[in-house]
C-alpha atoms as a PDB file:
ATOM      1  CA  MET A   1      -0.003   0.014   0.022  1.00  0.00           C
ATOM      2  CA  ARG A   2       2.791   2.481   0.923  1.00  0.00           C
ATOM      3  CA  LYS A   3       4.441   1.784  -2.489  1.00  0.00           C
ATOM      4  CA  PHE A   4       1.143   2.317  -4.272  1.00  0.00           C
ATOM      5  CA  ILE A   5       0.590   5.714  -2.435  1.00  0.00           C
ATOM      6  CA  SER A   6       4.151   6.796  -3.303  1.00  0.00           C
ATOM      7  CA  LEU A   7       3.678   6.080  -6.944  1.00  0.00           C
ATOM      8  CA  ILE A   8       0.364   7.969  -6.943  1.00  0.00           C
ATOM      9  CA  VAL A   9       2.053  10.929  -5.426  1.00  0.00           C
ATOM     10  CA  ALA A  10       4.902  10.754  -7.840  1.00  0.00           C
ATOM     11  CA  VAL A  11       2.448  10.745 -10.657  1.00  0.00           C
ATOM     12  CA  ALA A  12       0.366  13.585  -9.093  1.00  0.00           C
ATOM     13  CA  ALA A  13       3.573  15.590  -8.855  1.00  0.00           C
ATOM     14  CA  LEU A  14       4.285  15.191 -12.412  1.00  0.00           C
ATOM     15  CA  VAL A  15       0.760  16.025 -13.268  1.00  0.00           C
ATOM     16  CA  GLY A  16       1.026  19.309 -11.436  1.00  0.00           C
ATOM     17  CA  LEU A  17       4.249  20.243 -13.273  1.00  0.00           C
ATOM     18  CA  SER A  18       2.476  19.852 -16.662  1.00  0.00           C
ATOM     19  CA  SER A  19      -0.301  22.172 -15.696  1.00  0.00           C
ATOM     20  CA  VAL A  20       1.581  25.414 -16.208  1.00  0.00           C
ATOM     21  CA  PRO A  21       0.413  26.514 -19.671  1.00  0.00           C
ATOM     22  CA  ALA A  22       0.799  30.265 -18.997  1.00  0.00           C
ATOM     23  CA  GLN A  23       4.079  30.068 -17.157  1.00  0.00           C
ATOM     24  CA  ALA A  24       6.931  29.033 -19.542  1.00  0.00           C
ATOM     25  CA  ALA A  25       9.405  29.122 -16.523  1.00  0.00           C
ATOM     26  CA  ASP A  26       7.672  26.039 -15.127  1.00  0.00           C
ATOM     27  CA  MET A  27       8.271  24.164 -18.409  1.00  0.00           C
ATOM     28  CA  GLY A  28      11.312  21.911 -18.597  1.00  0.00           C
ATOM     29  CA  VAL A  29      12.558  18.727 -17.066  1.00  0.00           C
ATOM     30  CA  TRP A  30      11.539  17.848 -13.435  1.00  0.00           C
ATOM     31  CA  ARG A  31      12.782  15.044 -11.235  1.00  0.00           C
ATOM     32  CA  ASN A  32      11.089  13.134  -8.361  1.00  0.00           C
ATOM     33  CA  PRO A  33      12.712  13.034  -4.835  1.00  0.00           C
ATOM     34  CA  LYS A  34      14.502   9.691  -5.622  1.00  0.00           C
ATOM     35  CA  ASP A  35      15.651  10.902  -9.143  1.00  0.00           C
ATOM     36  CA  ASN A  36      14.367   7.633 -10.644  1.00  0.00           C
ATOM     37  CA  VAL A  37      11.996   9.364 -13.050  1.00  0.00           C
ATOM     38  CA  ARG A  38      12.272  12.723 -14.911  1.00  0.00           C
ATOM     39  CA  VAL A  39       9.362  14.227 -16.866  1.00  0.00           C
ATOM     40  CA  GLU A  40       9.518  16.991 -19.397  1.00  0.00           C
ATOM     41  CA  ILE A  41       6.679  19.437 -18.927  1.00  0.00           C
ATOM     42  CA  LYS A  42       5.684  21.307 -22.069  1.00  0.00           C
ATOM     43  CA  SER A  43       2.710  23.009 -23.804  1.00  0.00           C
ATOM     44  CA  CYS A  44       0.405  20.690 -25.579  1.00  0.00           C
ATOM     45  CA  GLY A  45      -2.213  22.814 -27.289  1.00  0.00           C
ATOM     46  CA  ASP A  46      -4.381  24.766 -24.830  1.00  0.00           C
ATOM     47  CA  SER A  47      -2.876  22.933 -21.829  1.00  0.00           C
ATOM     48  CA  MET A  48       0.235  21.362 -20.524  1.00  0.00           C
ATOM     49  CA  CYS A  49       1.438  17.761 -20.611  1.00  0.00           C
ATOM     50  CA  GLY A  50       4.385  15.786 -19.327  1.00  0.00           C
ATOM     51  CA  TYR A  51       6.501  12.889 -20.939  1.00  0.00           C
ATOM     52  CA  VAL A  52       8.944  10.634 -19.337  1.00  0.00           C
ATOM     53  CA  VAL A  53      12.554  11.490 -20.571  1.00  0.00           C
ATOM     54  CA  TYR A  54      14.487   9.513 -18.079  1.00  0.00           C
ATOM     55  CA  ALA A  55      13.614   6.401 -15.952  1.00  0.00           C
ATOM     56  CA  SER A  56      16.109   4.280 -13.801  1.00  0.00           C
ATOM     57  CA  ARG A  57      16.576   0.622 -14.511  1.00  0.00           C
ATOM     58  CA  LYS A  58      14.169  -0.144 -11.625  1.00  0.00           C
ATOM     59  CA  ALA A  59      11.427   2.094 -12.826  1.00  0.00           C
ATOM     60  CA  GLU A  60      11.796   0.752 -16.322  1.00  0.00           C
ATOM     61  CA  ALA A  61      11.559  -2.885 -14.774  1.00  0.00           C
ATOM     62  CA  ASP A  62       8.429  -1.872 -12.902  1.00  0.00           C
ATOM     63  CA  ALA A  63       6.903  -0.653 -16.123  1.00  0.00           C
ATOM     64  CA  ARG A  64       7.794  -3.767 -18.101  1.00  0.00           C
ATOM     65  CA  LYS A  65       6.111  -5.783 -15.280  1.00  0.00           C
ATOM     66  CA  SER A  66       2.970  -3.922 -15.955  1.00  0.00           C
ATOM     67  CA  GLY A  67       3.070  -4.518 -19.655  1.00  0.00           C
ATOM     68  CA  TYR A  68       4.989  -1.577 -21.012  1.00  0.00           C
ATOM     69  CA  HIS A  69       8.027  -1.935 -23.162  1.00  0.00           C
ATOM     70  CA  THR A  70       9.508   1.260 -21.834  1.00  0.00           C
ATOM     71  CA  LEU A  71       8.719   4.079 -19.441  1.00  0.00           C
ATOM     72  CA  VAL A  72      10.695   6.607 -21.378  1.00  0.00           C
ATOM     73  CA  GLY A  73       8.378   8.355 -23.909  1.00  0.00           C
ATOM     74  CA  GLN A  74       5.172   7.656 -21.909  1.00  0.00           C
ATOM     75  CA  GLN A  75       2.881  10.602 -21.330  1.00  0.00           C
ATOM     76  CA  LEU A  76       2.141  10.721 -17.703  1.00  0.00           C
ATOM     77  CA  LEU A  77       0.652  14.247 -17.531  1.00  0.00           C
ATOM     78  CA  ARG A  78      -2.190  15.689 -19.559  1.00  0.00           C
ATOM     79  CA  ASP A  79      -4.692  18.566 -19.443  1.00  0.00           C
ATOM     80  CA  PHE A  80      -3.023  20.601 -16.755  1.00  0.00           C
ATOM     81  CA  GLU A  81      -4.440  23.949 -16.339  1.00  0.00           C
ATOM     82  CA  PRO A  82      -3.771  26.670 -13.776  1.00  0.00           C
ATOM     83  CA  THR A  83      -6.249  26.817 -10.831  1.00  0.00           C
ATOM     84  CA  GLY A  84      -4.936  30.031  -9.427  1.00  0.00           C
ATOM     85  CA  HIS A  85      -2.368  31.152  -6.682  1.00  0.00           C
ATOM     86  CA  GLY A  86       0.413  29.347  -8.676  1.00  0.00           C
ATOM     87  CA  ASN A  87      -1.354  26.009  -8.453  1.00  0.00           C
ATOM     88  CA  MET A  88      -2.334  23.618 -11.280  1.00  0.00           C
ATOM     89  CA  ARG A  89      -4.676  20.679 -11.740  1.00  0.00           C
ATOM     90  CA  GLY A  90      -4.704  17.921 -14.377  1.00  0.00           C
ATOM     91  CA  LYS A  91      -4.636  14.153 -15.212  1.00  0.00           C
ATOM     92  CA  VAL A  92      -1.922  11.838 -14.183  1.00  0.00           C
ATOM     93  CA  PHE A  93      -1.465   8.372 -15.591  1.00  0.00           C
ATOM     94  CA  VAL A  94       0.170   5.691 -13.399  1.00  0.00           C
ATOM     95  CA  PRO A  95       1.584   3.021 -15.859  1.00  0.00           C
ATOM     96  CA  THR A  96       2.279   0.440 -13.085  1.00  0.00           C
ATOM     97  CA  LEU A  97      -1.246   0.680 -11.851  1.00  0.00           C
ATOM     98  CA  LYS A  98      -2.812   1.375 -15.352  1.00  0.00           C
ATOM     99  CA  VAL A  99      -5.016   4.188 -13.820  1.00  0.00           C
ATOM    100  CA  THR A 100      -5.429   7.873 -14.481  1.00  0.00           C
ATOM    101  CA  LEU A 101      -5.814  10.098 -11.362  1.00  0.00           C
ATOM    102  CA  SER A 102      -6.253  13.705 -10.578  1.00  0.00           C
ATOM    103  CA  GLY A 103      -3.240  15.649  -9.307  1.00  0.00           C
ATOM    104  CA  THR A 104      -2.400  19.087  -8.212  1.00  0.00           C
ATOM    105  CA  ALA A 105       0.902  21.086  -8.107  1.00  0.00           C
ATOM    106  CA  GLU A 106       2.071  24.221  -6.359  1.00  0.00           C
ATOM    107  CA  PHE A 107       5.246  25.866  -7.902  1.00  0.00           C
ATOM    108  CA  ILE A 108       7.108  27.255  -4.817  1.00  0.00           C
ATOM    109  CA  ASP A 109       9.889  28.815  -6.960  1.00  0.00           C
ATOM    110  CA  ALA A 110      11.519  28.340 -10.389  1.00  0.00           C
ATOM    111  CA  ARG A 111      13.117  25.111  -9.254  1.00  0.00           C
ATOM    112  CA  THR A 112      10.790  23.669  -6.683  1.00  0.00           C
ATOM    113  CA  MET A 113       7.361  22.184  -7.022  1.00  0.00           C
ATOM    114  CA  LYS A 114       5.040  20.592  -4.367  1.00  0.00           C
ATOM    115  CA  ALA A 115       2.897  17.849  -5.850  1.00  0.00           C
ATOM    116  CA  LYS A 116      -0.119  16.336  -4.074  1.00  0.00           C
ATOM    117  CA  GLY A 117      -1.946  13.230  -5.046  1.00  0.00           C
ATOM    118  CA  CYS A 118      -4.981  11.652  -3.487  1.00  0.00           C
ATOM    119  CA  VAL A 119      -6.936   8.412  -3.876  1.00  0.00           C
ATOM    120  CA  LEU A 120     -10.296   7.287  -2.729  1.00  0.00           C
ATOM    121  CA  GLY A 121     -11.898  10.701  -3.161  1.00  0.00           C
ATOM    122  CA  GLY A 122      -9.261  12.403  -1.061  1.00  0.00           C
ATOM    123  CA  VAL A 123      -9.354  10.034   1.735  1.00  0.00           C
ATOM    124  CA  ILE A 124      -5.672   9.173   1.342  1.00  0.00           C
ATOM    125  CA  CYS A 125      -3.280  11.909   0.168  1.00  0.00           C
ATOM    126  CA  LYS A 126       0.319  12.519   0.108  1.00  0.00           C
ATOM    127  CA  SER A 127       2.601  15.324  -1.294  1.00  0.00           C
ATOM    128  CA  GLN A 128       6.233  15.338  -2.613  1.00  0.00           C
ATOM    129  CA  ILE A 129       8.792  18.030  -3.525  1.00  0.00           C
ATOM    130  CA  TRP A 130      10.006  17.731  -7.091  1.00  0.00           C
ATOM    131  CA  THR A 131      13.106  19.634  -8.373  1.00  0.00           C
ATOM    132  CA  ARG A 132      13.759  21.196 -11.740  1.00  0.00           C
ATOM    133  CA  VAL A 133      16.534  19.754 -13.771  1.00  0.00           C
ATOM    134  CA  ASP A 134      18.573  22.092 -15.971  1.00  0.00           C
ATOM    135  CA  GLY A 135      17.932  21.125 -19.514  1.00  0.00           C
ATOM    136  CA  MET A 136      16.819  18.060 -21.618  1.00  0.00           C
ATOM    137  CA  GLN A 137      20.470  17.259 -22.578  1.00  0.00           C
ATOM    138  CA  THR A 138      21.247  16.283 -18.949  1.00  0.00           C
ATOM    139  CA  ALA A 139      18.292  13.935 -18.676  1.00  0.00           C
ATOM    140  CA  ARG A 140      18.919  12.193 -21.942  1.00  0.00           C
ATOM    141  CA  VAL A 141      22.772  11.767 -21.284  1.00  0.00           C
ATOM    142  CA  GLU A 142      21.981  10.101 -17.896  1.00  0.00           C
ATOM    143  CA  ASN A 143      19.434   7.885 -19.487  1.00  0.00           C
ATOM    144  CA  ASN A 144      21.926   6.698 -22.030  1.00  0.00           C
ATOM    145  CA  ALA A 145      24.474   6.047 -19.381  1.00  0.00           C
ATOM    146  CA  GLY A 146      22.211   3.346 -17.892  1.00  0.00           C
END
């Protein structure tokens, strides 16, 4: 259950990142607290979205166990929109659970985001702090390094 909640929070954090359509400074590559997944947040039409650009070997193995060939390239965040006061809301896909959840994000500063995810209609919630990574090239080089 703890792993399930951690995964949901991670996804919710990513979702929150992708919900910054009007704030270009929030677009870019963000990493989760363990730095085993990195997501590029970008504009996708009228909203924001996020795609995995780096996944550790363990994260990739977990994705394969769930029936995905690779985690890199998967869209985890979609339809993120601002909700006011620097917050955003959107949909987060959790590949290992094969579910889409609602998530929110609060951008504390240009390099820090607080992501919150809830399950069971808000009965169980958790938050994480995600950190911006400087540039896509860094994420891709680390991914190729294995």
